[in-house]
Amino acid sequence: MTGVLTYLGRNTLDFLRYVSRLYDLSVKAAYWTFVAPFKGRNVKWGNAIHQMVLAGVDSIPIVALISLFIGIVLGLQGAYQLAKFGATYFVTALVGVSMTRELGPLLTAIVIAGRSGSAFAAELGTMKVSEEIDALEAMGLNSVRYLVVPKYLAMLIMMPCLTLISDLSGIVGGALFEIAQLDKTVSMCLTATRDALAMHDITTGLIKSVVFGMIITTIGCNEGFGVKGGAEGVGKATTSSVVLSIFLIIFADVIFTAIFYYTG
């Protein structure tokens, strides 16, 4: 019994310490991003643009391709069910609403968590192991400002852009299936999509994408800063950042979907 209580207590304390580190990092990143520039401490936009290219522009092909395939799959599955009721016209509506409200931001976040979130953890973890972060602090430079804020800004800006690309690619995938298999024209697909979508559907997905970007950056950077044990520790932090980011992304998606459902 004592062993069980010890195990529970130790893990509870570890969890609380981890949450405390996440909160501390989030507050510092928010301060240096949104408050410090108004006090004369400018953001390093050169580094931020570099991160935008790495995390955003270089991710466009994989995000677009995956979303295109998902759009085709949604079209296939939707047509299979809706054909029983003679309602294949609504396949476009199904694909459009599903991509913009749910699958677009979610797929984008999962891809970026695996691609960029892990890179953040590996980069900062390597710097931690090689004592580069300690050297920055010894020179009087704030590690959050120079290492985290550029990534934070890049994700806040690029996640909505990638989500829009994902939405468009998924809708195109569904339209390609309908044109090829359901004898619809491009004009019919465009009209059906326009009739089905509302601005609320698009903004819902974009709001989610911003929050997902914050989660990916915070988890990745926190795992990197907490690396111990050399190269093995870097590998563990990279794996943990991906697993935990995806878990929190889906958890946040459930919360936001429930909020938008009851308030929309």
Protein backbone atom coordinates (compact mmCIF):
# COMPACT_ATOMS: atom_id res chain seq x y z
CA MET A 1 0.00 0.00 0.00
CA THR A 2 2.85 2.35 0.83
CA GLY A 3 4.43 1.64 -2.54
CA VAL A 4 1.21 2.46 -4.38
CA LEU A 5 0.80 5.74 -2.51
CA THR A 6 4.43 6.62 -3.16
CA TYR A 7 3.99 5.91 -6.87
CA LEU A 8 0.83 8.03 -7.07
CA GLY A 9 2.34 10.86 -5.08
CA ARG A 10 5.55 10.95 -7.12
CA ASN A 11 3.71 10.98 -10.43
CA THR A 12 1.26 13.63 -9.22
CA LEU A 13 4.12 15.89 -8.18
CA ASP A 14 5.88 15.29 -11.51
CA PHE A 15 2.69 16.19 -13.34
CA LEU A 16 2.21 19.39 -11.34
CA ARG A 17 5.83 20.41 -11.92
CA TYR A 18 5.43 19.78 -15.66
CA VAL A 19 2.26 21.87 -15.81
CA SER A 20 4.04 24.62 -13.88
CA ARG A 21 6.89 24.64 -16.42
CA LEU A 22 4.41 24.79 -19.30
CA TYR A 23 2.59 27.70 -17.69
CA ASP A 24 5.83 29.55 -16.99
CA LEU A 25 7.06 29.10 -20.55
CA SER A 26 3.70 30.15 -22.02
CA VAL A 27 3.62 33.34 -19.93
CA LYS A 28 7.19 34.27 -20.86
CA ALA A 29 6.59 33.59 -24.56
CA ALA A 30 3.39 35.64 -24.53
CA TYR A 31 5.16 38.51 -22.77
CA TRP A 32 8.08 38.67 -25.21
CA THR A 33 5.73 38.31 -28.18
CA PHE A 34 2.92 40.71 -27.33
CA VAL A 35 4.09 43.01 -24.51
CA ALA A 36 7.84 43.52 -24.81
CA PRO A 37 7.70 45.05 -28.34
CA PHE A 38 5.68 47.96 -26.89
CA LYS A 39 8.48 48.54 -24.36
CA GLY A 40 11.22 48.82 -26.97
CA ARG A 41 12.29 45.14 -26.94
CA ASN A 42 11.71 44.33 -30.59
CA VAL A 43 11.01 40.85 -31.91
CA LYS A 44 13.74 39.20 -33.98
CA TRP A 45 11.76 39.08 -37.21
CA GLY A 46 14.67 37.65 -39.19
CA ASN A 47 14.66 34.52 -37.05
CA ALA A 48 10.85 34.41 -37.10
CA ILE A 49 10.75 34.51 -40.91
CA HIS A 50 13.35 31.75 -41.04
CA GLN A 51 11.13 29.62 -38.80
CA MET A 52 8.10 30.44 -40.97
CA VAL A 53 9.92 28.99 -43.95
CA LEU A 54 10.97 25.86 -42.07
CA ALA A 55 7.69 25.19 -40.27
CA GLY A 56 5.27 26.66 -42.79
CA VAL A 57 6.43 26.94 -46.39
CA ASP A 58 8.33 23.64 -46.36
CA SER A 59 5.25 21.89 -44.94
CA ILE A 60 2.90 22.94 -47.73
CA PRO A 61 3.48 19.90 -50.02
CA ILE A 62 2.86 17.25 -47.35
CA VAL A 63 -0.14 19.09 -45.84
CA ALA A 64 -1.73 19.66 -49.24
CA LEU A 65 -1.14 16.07 -50.41
CA ILE A 66 -2.52 14.45 -47.26
CA SER A 67 -5.57 16.73 -47.29
CA LEU A 68 -6.18 15.96 -50.97
CA PHE A 69 -6.27 12.23 -50.22
CA ILE A 70 -8.51 12.77 -47.19
CA GLY A 71 -10.90 14.78 -49.37
CA ILE A 72 -11.08 11.90 -51.85
CA VAL A 73 -11.71 9.43 -49.02
CA LEU A 74 -14.47 11.62 -47.60
CA GLY A 75 -16.04 11.83 -51.03
CA LEU A 76 -15.95 8.05 -51.42
CA GLN A 77 -17.41 7.35 -47.99
CA GLY A 78 -20.02 10.09 -48.26
CA ALA A 79 -21.16 8.99 -51.69
CA TYR A 80 -21.45 5.39 -50.52
CA GLN A 81 -23.94 6.37 -47.81
CA LEU A 82 -25.75 9.25 -49.52
CA ALA A 83 -26.33 7.26 -52.71
CA LYS A 84 -28.81 5.12 -50.75
CA PHE A 85 -31.02 8.19 -50.38
CA GLY A 86 -30.34 9.67 -53.81
CA ALA A 87 -28.57 12.62 -52.16
CA THR A 88 -25.13 12.51 -53.76
CA TYR A 89 -25.47 16.25 -54.42
CA PHE A 90 -24.63 16.79 -50.74
CA VAL A 91 -21.26 15.00 -50.96
CA THR A 92 -19.64 18.36 -51.67
CA ALA A 93 -21.30 19.87 -48.60
CA LEU A 94 -20.08 16.96 -46.47
CA VAL A 95 -16.50 17.33 -47.65
CA GLY A 96 -16.46 21.12 -47.39
CA VAL A 97 -17.90 21.36 -43.89
CA SER A 98 -15.85 18.43 -42.58
CA MET A 99 -12.60 19.88 -43.87
CA THR A 100 -13.11 23.47 -42.76
CA ARG A 101 -14.57 22.81 -39.32
CA GLU A 102 -12.68 19.71 -38.26
CA LEU A 103 -10.30 17.75 -40.44
CA GLY A 104 -8.40 20.67 -41.99
CA PRO A 105 -7.06 22.16 -38.75
CA LEU A 106 -6.73 18.77 -37.05
CA LEU A 107 -4.75 17.10 -39.85
CA THR A 108 -2.56 20.15 -40.24
CA ALA A 109 -1.80 20.25 -36.52
CA ILE A 110 -0.92 16.55 -36.37
CA VAL A 111 1.41 16.84 -39.38
CA ILE A 112 3.10 19.94 -37.97
CA ALA A 113 3.42 18.36 -34.52
CA GLY A 114 5.27 15.44 -36.07
CA ARG A 115 7.34 17.58 -38.40
CA SER A 116 8.04 20.88 -36.62
CA GLY A 117 7.18 20.17 -32.98
CA SER A 118 9.70 17.36 -32.90
CA ALA A 119 12.26 19.61 -34.62
CA PHE A 120 11.78 22.27 -31.94
CA ALA A 121 12.39 19.70 -29.19
CA ALA A 122 15.43 18.23 -30.93
CA GLU A 123 16.97 21.64 -31.67
CA LEU A 124 16.57 23.02 -28.14
CA GLY A 125 17.46 19.67 -26.60
CA THR A 126 20.73 19.54 -28.52
CA MET A 127 21.50 23.10 -27.44
CA LYS A 128 20.68 22.17 -23.85
CA VAL A 129 22.97 19.13 -23.89
CA SER A 130 25.82 21.08 -25.48
CA GLU A 131 25.31 23.88 -22.91
CA GLU A 132 24.60 26.50 -25.58
CA ILE A 133 21.49 27.66 -23.72
CA ASP A 134 23.54 28.10 -20.54
CA ALA A 135 26.04 30.14 -22.56
CA LEU A 136 23.24 32.41 -23.81
CA GLU A 137 22.01 32.97 -20.28
CA ALA A 138 25.58 33.65 -19.07
CA MET A 139 25.91 36.39 -21.71
CA GLY A 140 22.75 38.02 -20.39
CA LEU A 141 20.52 36.97 -23.29
CA ASN A 142 17.01 35.72 -22.60
CA SER A 143 16.69 32.21 -24.03
CA VAL A 144 12.90 32.46 -24.40
CA ARG A 145 13.15 35.69 -26.38
CA TYR A 146 15.85 34.43 -28.74
CA LEU A 147 14.88 30.78 -29.11
CA VAL A 148 11.14 30.40 -28.41
CA VAL A 149 9.50 33.63 -29.59
CA PRO A 150 10.54 33.25 -33.28
CA LYS A 151 9.02 29.76 -33.30
CA TYR A 152 5.95 31.03 -31.44
CA LEU A 153 5.36 33.79 -33.99
CA ALA A 154 6.00 31.47 -36.92
CA MET A 155 3.38 28.99 -35.74
CA LEU A 156 0.80 31.67 -34.93
CA ILE A 157 1.10 33.05 -38.46
CA MET A 158 1.65 29.89 -40.49
CA MET A 159 -0.84 27.51 -38.87
CA PRO A 160 -3.92 29.40 -40.16
CA CYS A 161 -2.28 29.65 -43.60
CA LEU A 162 -1.56 25.93 -43.70
CA THR A 163 -5.09 25.20 -42.47
CA LEU A 164 -6.58 27.18 -45.36
CA ILE A 165 -4.38 25.24 -47.79
CA SER A 166 -5.52 21.99 -46.16
CA ASP A 167 -9.18 23.03 -46.44
CA LEU A 168 -8.80 23.90 -50.10
CA SER A 169 -6.90 20.71 -50.92
CA GLY A 170 -9.52 18.54 -49.22
CA ILE A 171 -12.36 20.27 -51.06
CA VAL A 172 -10.48 19.84 -54.36
CA GLY A 173 -10.00 16.13 -53.58
CA GLY A 174 -13.72 15.68 -52.97
CA ALA A 175 -14.54 17.60 -56.15
CA LEU A 176 -12.17 15.46 -58.23
CA PHE A 177 -13.93 12.32 -57.02
CA GLU A 178 -17.36 13.77 -57.82
CA ILE A 179 -16.31 14.90 -61.28
CA ALA A 180 -14.76 11.52 -62.05
CA GLN A 181 -17.39 9.24 -60.53
CA LEU A 182 -20.62 11.17 -60.01
CA ASP A 183 -20.68 12.97 -63.38
CA LYS A 184 -20.69 16.41 -61.84
CA THR A 185 -19.18 19.51 -63.40
CA VAL A 186 -16.74 21.97 -61.87
CA SER A 187 -19.49 24.58 -61.79
CA MET A 188 -21.82 22.26 -59.86
CA CYS A 189 -19.11 21.50 -57.31
CA LEU A 190 -18.32 25.18 -56.82
CA THR A 191 -21.99 26.06 -56.39
CA ALA A 192 -22.63 23.25 -53.92
CA THR A 193 -19.54 24.20 -51.87
CA ARG A 194 -20.55 27.86 -51.80
CA ASP A 195 -24.06 26.98 -50.67
CA ALA A 196 -22.84 24.61 -47.95
CA LEU A 197 -20.10 26.71 -46.35
CA ALA A 198 -20.58 29.69 -44.09
CA MET A 199 -17.91 32.06 -42.82
CA HIS A 200 -18.48 30.62 -39.34
CA ASP A 201 -17.26 27.23 -40.57
CA ILE A 202 -13.98 28.70 -41.79
CA THR A 203 -13.32 30.91 -38.77
CA THR A 204 -14.00 27.98 -36.44
CA GLY A 205 -11.18 26.02 -38.05
CA LEU A 206 -8.82 29.01 -38.05
CA ILE A 207 -9.37 29.66 -34.34
CA LYS A 208 -8.57 26.02 -33.64
CA SER A 209 -5.42 26.21 -35.76
CA VAL A 210 -4.04 29.15 -33.76
CA VAL A 211 -4.53 27.29 -30.47
CA PHE A 212 -3.02 24.12 -31.95
CA GLY A 213 0.02 26.11 -33.05
CA MET A 214 0.49 27.45 -29.52
CA ILE A 215 0.24 23.93 -28.11
CA ILE A 216 2.81 22.52 -30.55
CA THR A 217 5.32 25.30 -29.87
CA THR A 218 4.93 25.26 -26.09
CA ILE A 219 5.21 21.48 -25.78
CA GLY A 220 8.12 21.19 -28.22
CA CYS A 221 10.14 23.96 -26.61
CA ASN A 222 9.38 22.80 -23.07
CA GLU A 223 10.52 19.28 -23.88
CA GLY A 224 13.70 20.68 -25.43
CA PHE A 225 14.52 22.84 -22.41
CA GLY A 226 13.98 19.86 -20.09
CA VAL A 227 16.38 17.45 -21.84
CA LYS A 228 18.76 15.48 -19.62
CA GLY A 229 21.11 12.63 -20.33
CA GLY A 230 22.80 13.48 -23.62
CA ALA A 231 21.73 12.13 -27.01
CA GLU A 232 19.36 9.59 -25.46
CA GLY A 233 17.56 12.40 -23.66
CA VAL A 234 17.16 14.31 -26.92
CA GLY A 235 15.51 11.28 -28.49
CA LYS A 236 13.13 10.83 -25.58
CA ALA A 237 12.21 14.53 -25.61
CA THR A 238 11.52 14.42 -29.34
CA THR A 239 9.22 11.42 -28.96
CA SER A 240 7.47 12.92 -25.93
CA SER A 241 6.86 16.21 -27.73
CA VAL A 242 5.06 14.49 -30.60
CA VAL A 243 2.95 12.18 -28.42
CA LEU A 244 1.97 14.85 -25.92
CA SER A 245 1.29 17.47 -28.60
CA ILE A 246 -1.06 15.16 -30.51
CA PHE A 247 -2.86 14.21 -27.29
CA LEU A 248 -3.37 17.85 -26.27
CA ILE A 249 -4.37 18.85 -29.80
CA ILE A 250 -7.15 16.26 -29.85
CA PHE A 251 -8.17 17.17 -26.29
CA ALA A 252 -8.35 20.87 -27.22
CA ASP A 253 -10.27 19.97 -30.38
CA VAL A 254 -12.92 18.19 -28.30
CA ILE A 255 -13.30 21.23 -26.06
CA PHE A 256 -13.52 23.73 -28.92
CA THR A 257 -15.92 21.55 -30.88
CA ALA A 258 -18.21 21.32 -27.86
CA ILE A 259 -18.03 25.09 -27.32
CA PHE A 260 -18.82 25.88 -30.94
CA TYR A 261 -21.57 23.29 -30.97
CA TYR A 262 -23.41 24.75 -27.98
CA THR A 263 -22.77 28.40 -28.86
CA GLY A 264 -23.08 28.21 -32.64
